[in-house]
Amino acid sequence: MTSEVDPTRMARDQLVLALLPQVPFDGWTQTALKVACAAEGLAAADARLLFPGGGTDAIRHFVDMADRMMIADYVASETSTLRLRDK
C-alpha cells in the first residue's frame, strides 16, 4: 500500500465535505454540487470534472471517504486492551 497523496481524491473529499450541509436541501444533485463548489471557491464546472456522473459519483465517493475515515480512526485508536467482541 502506498502513502502517495492523490490530489484528485483530496479535491473530491473537500467538495463532498462542502456538499454534505447542502444535501438535506437539494439532495445529491448538480445544484447542490454547484453550491458546494461556490462555498469552496471553485468554478461550477469543477463539479463536473470531479464528479462526471453527478450526484451518483458524489455518493460513491462519500461512501469510499467514510470507509477511509473509519479505517483511519480504527488504526489510530488503542485497541490492544479491548476484548475481541469490543473491537
N, C-alpha and C. Protein backbone atom coordinates (compact mmCIF):
# COMPACT_ATOMS: atom_id res chain seq x y z
N MET A 1 0.85 -1.18 0.00
CA MET A 1 0.00 0.00 0.00
C MET A 1 0.89 1.24 0.00
N THR A 2 0.65 2.16 -0.90
CA THR A 2 1.45 3.37 -0.96
C THR A 2 0.77 4.47 -0.17
N SER A 3 1.57 5.42 0.25
CA SER A 3 1.03 6.55 1.00
C SER A 3 1.06 7.83 0.16
N GLU A 4 1.05 7.66 -1.15
CA GLU A 4 1.07 8.81 -2.04
C GLU A 4 -0.24 9.59 -1.92
N VAL A 5 -0.13 10.90 -2.04
CA VAL A 5 -1.29 11.76 -1.96
C VAL A 5 -1.88 11.91 -3.36
N ASP A 6 -3.16 11.64 -3.48
CA ASP A 6 -3.87 11.79 -4.75
C ASP A 6 -4.61 13.13 -4.72
N PRO A 7 -4.13 14.12 -5.48
CA PRO A 7 -4.76 15.45 -5.43
C PRO A 7 -6.22 15.43 -5.89
N THR A 8 -6.55 14.56 -6.82
CA THR A 8 -7.94 14.48 -7.28
C THR A 8 -8.83 13.95 -6.16
N ARG A 9 -8.36 12.92 -5.48
CA ARG A 9 -9.14 12.36 -4.37
C ARG A 9 -9.29 13.40 -3.26
N MET A 10 -8.23 14.15 -3.00
CA MET A 10 -8.31 15.19 -1.97
C MET A 10 -9.33 16.27 -2.35
N ALA A 11 -9.35 16.66 -3.62
CA ALA A 11 -10.31 17.65 -4.09
C ALA A 11 -11.73 17.11 -4.00
N ARG A 12 -11.90 15.84 -4.33
CA ARG A 12 -13.23 15.22 -4.21
C ARG A 12 -13.66 15.17 -2.75
N ASP A 13 -12.74 14.81 -1.86
CA ASP A 13 -13.04 14.79 -0.43
C ASP A 13 -13.51 16.17 0.03
N GLN A 14 -12.77 17.18 -0.36
CA GLN A 14 -13.07 18.55 0.04
C GLN A 14 -14.46 18.96 -0.48
N LEU A 15 -14.75 18.62 -1.72
CA LEU A 15 -16.03 19.01 -2.29
C LEU A 15 -17.18 18.24 -1.65
N VAL A 16 -16.99 16.97 -1.36
CA VAL A 16 -18.05 16.20 -0.70
C VAL A 16 -18.31 16.75 0.70
N LEU A 17 -17.26 17.11 1.42
CA LEU A 17 -17.46 17.69 2.75
C LEU A 17 -18.23 19.01 2.68
N ALA A 18 -17.98 19.79 1.64
CA ALA A 18 -18.72 21.04 1.45
C ALA A 18 -20.15 20.76 0.99
N LEU A 19 -20.34 19.64 0.32
CA LEU A 19 -21.66 19.28 -0.21
C LEU A 19 -22.61 18.79 0.89
N LEU A 20 -22.09 18.11 1.88
CA LEU A 20 -22.94 17.48 2.90
C LEU A 20 -23.97 18.41 3.54
N PRO A 21 -23.62 19.64 3.93
CA PRO A 21 -24.65 20.51 4.52
C PRO A 21 -25.77 20.88 3.54
N GLN A 22 -25.50 20.78 2.25
CA GLN A 22 -26.48 21.16 1.23
C GLN A 22 -27.42 20.01 0.88
N VAL A 23 -27.00 18.77 1.14
CA VAL A 23 -27.77 17.59 0.74
C VAL A 23 -29.20 17.59 1.30
N PRO A 24 -29.43 17.97 2.56
CA PRO A 24 -30.82 17.96 3.05
C PRO A 24 -31.75 18.89 2.28
N PHE A 25 -31.18 19.91 1.65
CA PHE A 25 -32.00 20.88 0.94
C PHE A 25 -32.18 20.54 -0.54
N ASP A 26 -31.10 20.11 -1.20
CA ASP A 26 -31.13 19.87 -2.64
C ASP A 26 -30.85 18.43 -3.03
N GLY A 27 -30.57 17.57 -2.06
CA GLY A 27 -30.22 16.19 -2.38
C GLY A 27 -28.82 16.12 -2.97
N TRP A 28 -28.53 14.98 -3.55
CA TRP A 28 -27.22 14.76 -4.18
C TRP A 28 -27.34 15.16 -5.65
N THR A 29 -27.58 16.44 -5.89
CA THR A 29 -27.87 16.94 -7.23
C THR A 29 -26.73 17.82 -7.74
N GLN A 30 -26.83 18.13 -9.03
CA GLN A 30 -25.87 19.04 -9.64
C GLN A 30 -25.98 20.43 -9.00
N THR A 31 -27.19 20.82 -8.64
CA THR A 31 -27.39 22.11 -7.97
C THR A 31 -26.62 22.15 -6.66
N ALA A 32 -26.73 21.09 -5.87
CA ALA A 32 -26.01 21.03 -4.59
C ALA A 32 -24.51 21.04 -4.83
N LEU A 33 -24.06 20.32 -5.85
CA LEU A 33 -22.62 20.32 -6.17
C LEU A 33 -22.13 21.72 -6.54
N LYS A 34 -22.95 22.46 -7.28
CA LYS A 34 -22.56 23.83 -7.65
C LYS A 34 -22.48 24.73 -6.43
N VAL A 35 -23.42 24.57 -5.50
CA VAL A 35 -23.38 25.35 -4.27
C VAL A 35 -22.12 25.01 -3.47
N ALA A 36 -21.80 23.73 -3.40
CA ALA A 36 -20.59 23.30 -2.69
C ALA A 36 -19.34 23.87 -3.35
N CYS A 37 -19.32 23.89 -4.68
CA CYS A 37 -18.18 24.49 -5.39
C CYS A 37 -18.04 25.96 -5.02
N ALA A 38 -19.14 26.68 -5.01
CA ALA A 38 -19.10 28.10 -4.65
C ALA A 38 -18.59 28.28 -3.23
N ALA A 39 -19.01 27.41 -2.33
CA ALA A 39 -18.57 27.50 -0.93
C ALA A 39 -17.07 27.25 -0.81
N GLU A 40 -16.51 26.46 -1.71
CA GLU A 40 -15.09 26.14 -1.67
C GLU A 40 -14.26 27.04 -2.59
N GLY A 41 -14.91 27.99 -3.24
CA GLY A 41 -14.19 28.89 -4.13
C GLY A 41 -13.79 28.25 -5.45
N LEU A 42 -14.53 27.22 -5.85
CA LEU A 42 -14.26 26.53 -7.10
C LEU A 42 -15.26 26.96 -8.16
N ALA A 43 -14.88 26.81 -9.41
CA ALA A 43 -15.81 27.09 -10.50
C ALA A 43 -16.85 25.99 -10.56
N ALA A 44 -18.06 26.32 -10.98
CA ALA A 44 -19.14 25.34 -11.08
C ALA A 44 -18.76 24.19 -12.00
N ALA A 45 -17.94 24.47 -13.00
CA ALA A 45 -17.51 23.43 -13.94
C ALA A 45 -16.65 22.37 -13.25
N ASP A 46 -16.03 22.74 -12.13
CA ASP A 46 -15.20 21.78 -11.40
C ASP A 46 -16.03 20.61 -10.87
N ALA A 47 -17.30 20.85 -10.60
CA ALA A 47 -18.17 19.78 -10.12
C ALA A 47 -18.26 18.67 -11.16
N ARG A 48 -18.39 19.04 -12.41
CA ARG A 48 -18.47 18.05 -13.48
C ARG A 48 -17.13 17.36 -13.72
N LEU A 49 -16.05 18.08 -13.52
CA LEU A 49 -14.72 17.48 -13.67
C LEU A 49 -14.45 16.45 -12.57
N LEU A 50 -14.82 16.80 -11.35
CA LEU A 50 -14.55 15.92 -10.23
C LEU A 50 -15.57 14.78 -10.12
N PHE A 51 -16.81 15.06 -10.49
CA PHE A 51 -17.87 14.05 -10.42
C PHE A 51 -18.65 14.04 -11.74
N PRO A 52 -18.08 13.43 -12.78
CA PRO A 52 -18.74 13.43 -14.09
C PRO A 52 -20.12 12.79 -14.06
N GLY A 53 -20.33 11.86 -13.15
CA GLY A 53 -21.63 11.20 -13.02
C GLY A 53 -22.57 11.93 -12.07
N GLY A 54 -22.21 13.16 -11.70
CA GLY A 54 -23.06 13.97 -10.84
C GLY A 54 -23.17 13.41 -9.43
N GLY A 55 -24.40 13.47 -8.91
CA GLY A 55 -24.66 13.04 -7.55
C GLY A 55 -24.32 11.58 -7.29
N THR A 56 -24.53 10.73 -8.29
CA THR A 56 -24.21 9.31 -8.11
C THR A 56 -22.73 9.12 -7.82
N ASP A 57 -21.89 9.80 -8.57
CA ASP A 57 -20.44 9.72 -8.32
C ASP A 57 -20.09 10.32 -6.96
N ALA A 58 -20.77 11.40 -6.59
CA ALA A 58 -20.51 12.03 -5.29
C ALA A 58 -20.88 11.08 -4.14
N ILE A 59 -21.99 10.36 -4.29
CA ILE A 59 -22.40 9.39 -3.27
C ILE A 59 -21.37 8.28 -3.16
N ARG A 60 -20.95 7.76 -4.30
CA ARG A 60 -19.93 6.69 -4.29
C ARG A 60 -18.65 7.17 -3.59
N HIS A 61 -18.26 8.39 -3.90
CA HIS A 61 -17.05 8.92 -3.27
C HIS A 61 -17.26 9.12 -1.77
N PHE A 62 -18.44 9.59 -1.38
CA PHE A 62 -18.74 9.77 0.04
C PHE A 62 -18.61 8.45 0.80
N VAL A 63 -19.13 7.37 0.23
CA VAL A 63 -19.05 6.06 0.87
C VAL A 63 -17.59 5.64 1.00
N ASP A 64 -16.80 5.82 -0.07
CA ASP A 64 -15.38 5.49 -0.02
C ASP A 64 -14.66 6.33 1.03
N MET A 65 -14.97 7.63 1.07
CA MET A 65 -14.33 8.52 2.02
C MET A 65 -14.70 8.13 3.45
N ALA A 66 -15.95 7.81 3.69
CA ALA A 66 -16.38 7.39 5.02
C ALA A 66 -15.65 6.12 5.45
N ASP A 67 -15.48 5.19 4.52
CA ASP A 67 -14.72 3.96 4.83
C ASP A 67 -13.28 4.29 5.19
N ARG A 68 -12.65 5.16 4.41
CA ARG A 68 -11.26 5.54 4.69
C ARG A 68 -11.14 6.22 6.05
N MET A 69 -12.09 7.09 6.38
CA MET A 69 -12.06 7.78 7.67
C MET A 69 -12.26 6.80 8.82
N MET A 70 -13.16 5.83 8.64
CA MET A 70 -13.41 4.83 9.67
C MET A 70 -12.16 3.99 9.91
N ILE A 71 -11.51 3.56 8.85
CA ILE A 71 -10.29 2.76 8.97
C ILE A 71 -9.19 3.57 9.65
N ALA A 72 -9.04 4.82 9.26
CA ALA A 72 -8.01 5.68 9.87
C ALA A 72 -8.29 5.87 11.37
N ASP A 73 -9.54 6.06 11.74
CA ASP A 73 -9.89 6.20 13.15
C ASP A 73 -9.60 4.92 13.91
N TYR A 74 -9.91 3.78 13.31
CA TYR A 74 -9.66 2.50 13.97
C TYR A 74 -8.16 2.27 14.17
N VAL A 75 -7.39 2.53 13.12
CA VAL A 75 -5.94 2.32 13.20
C VAL A 75 -5.33 3.24 14.26
N ALA A 76 -5.86 4.44 14.39
CA ALA A 76 -5.33 5.40 15.35
C ALA A 76 -5.78 5.11 16.78
N SER A 77 -6.79 4.31 16.93
CA SER A 77 -7.30 4.03 18.28
C SER A 77 -6.49 2.92 18.95
N GLU A 78 -6.53 2.93 20.26
CA GLU A 78 -5.84 1.91 21.04
C GLU A 78 -6.81 0.75 21.26
N THR A 79 -6.55 -0.36 20.60
CA THR A 79 -7.46 -1.50 20.71
C THR A 79 -6.81 -2.72 21.34
N SER A 80 -5.54 -2.62 21.70
CA SER A 80 -4.84 -3.79 22.21
C SER A 80 -5.40 -4.28 23.54
N THR A 81 -6.00 -3.40 24.31
CA THR A 81 -6.54 -3.81 25.60
C THR A 81 -8.02 -4.20 25.53
N LEU A 82 -8.63 -4.02 24.36
CA LEU A 82 -10.04 -4.37 24.22
C LEU A 82 -10.23 -5.85 24.00
N ARG A 83 -11.35 -6.36 24.51
CA ARG A 83 -11.71 -7.74 24.22
C ARG A 83 -12.10 -7.83 22.75
N LEU A 84 -11.99 -9.00 22.18
CA LEU A 84 -12.27 -9.20 20.76
C LEU A 84 -13.67 -8.70 20.40
N ARG A 85 -14.66 -9.01 21.21
CA ARG A 85 -16.03 -8.59 20.88
C ARG A 85 -16.20 -7.07 20.92
N ASP A 86 -15.34 -6.37 21.68
CA ASP A 86 -15.41 -4.93 21.75
C ASP A 86 -14.69 -4.23 20.61
N LYS A 87 -13.82 -4.96 19.93
CA LYS A 87 -13.11 -4.38 18.80
C LYS A 87 -14.05 -4.24 17.65
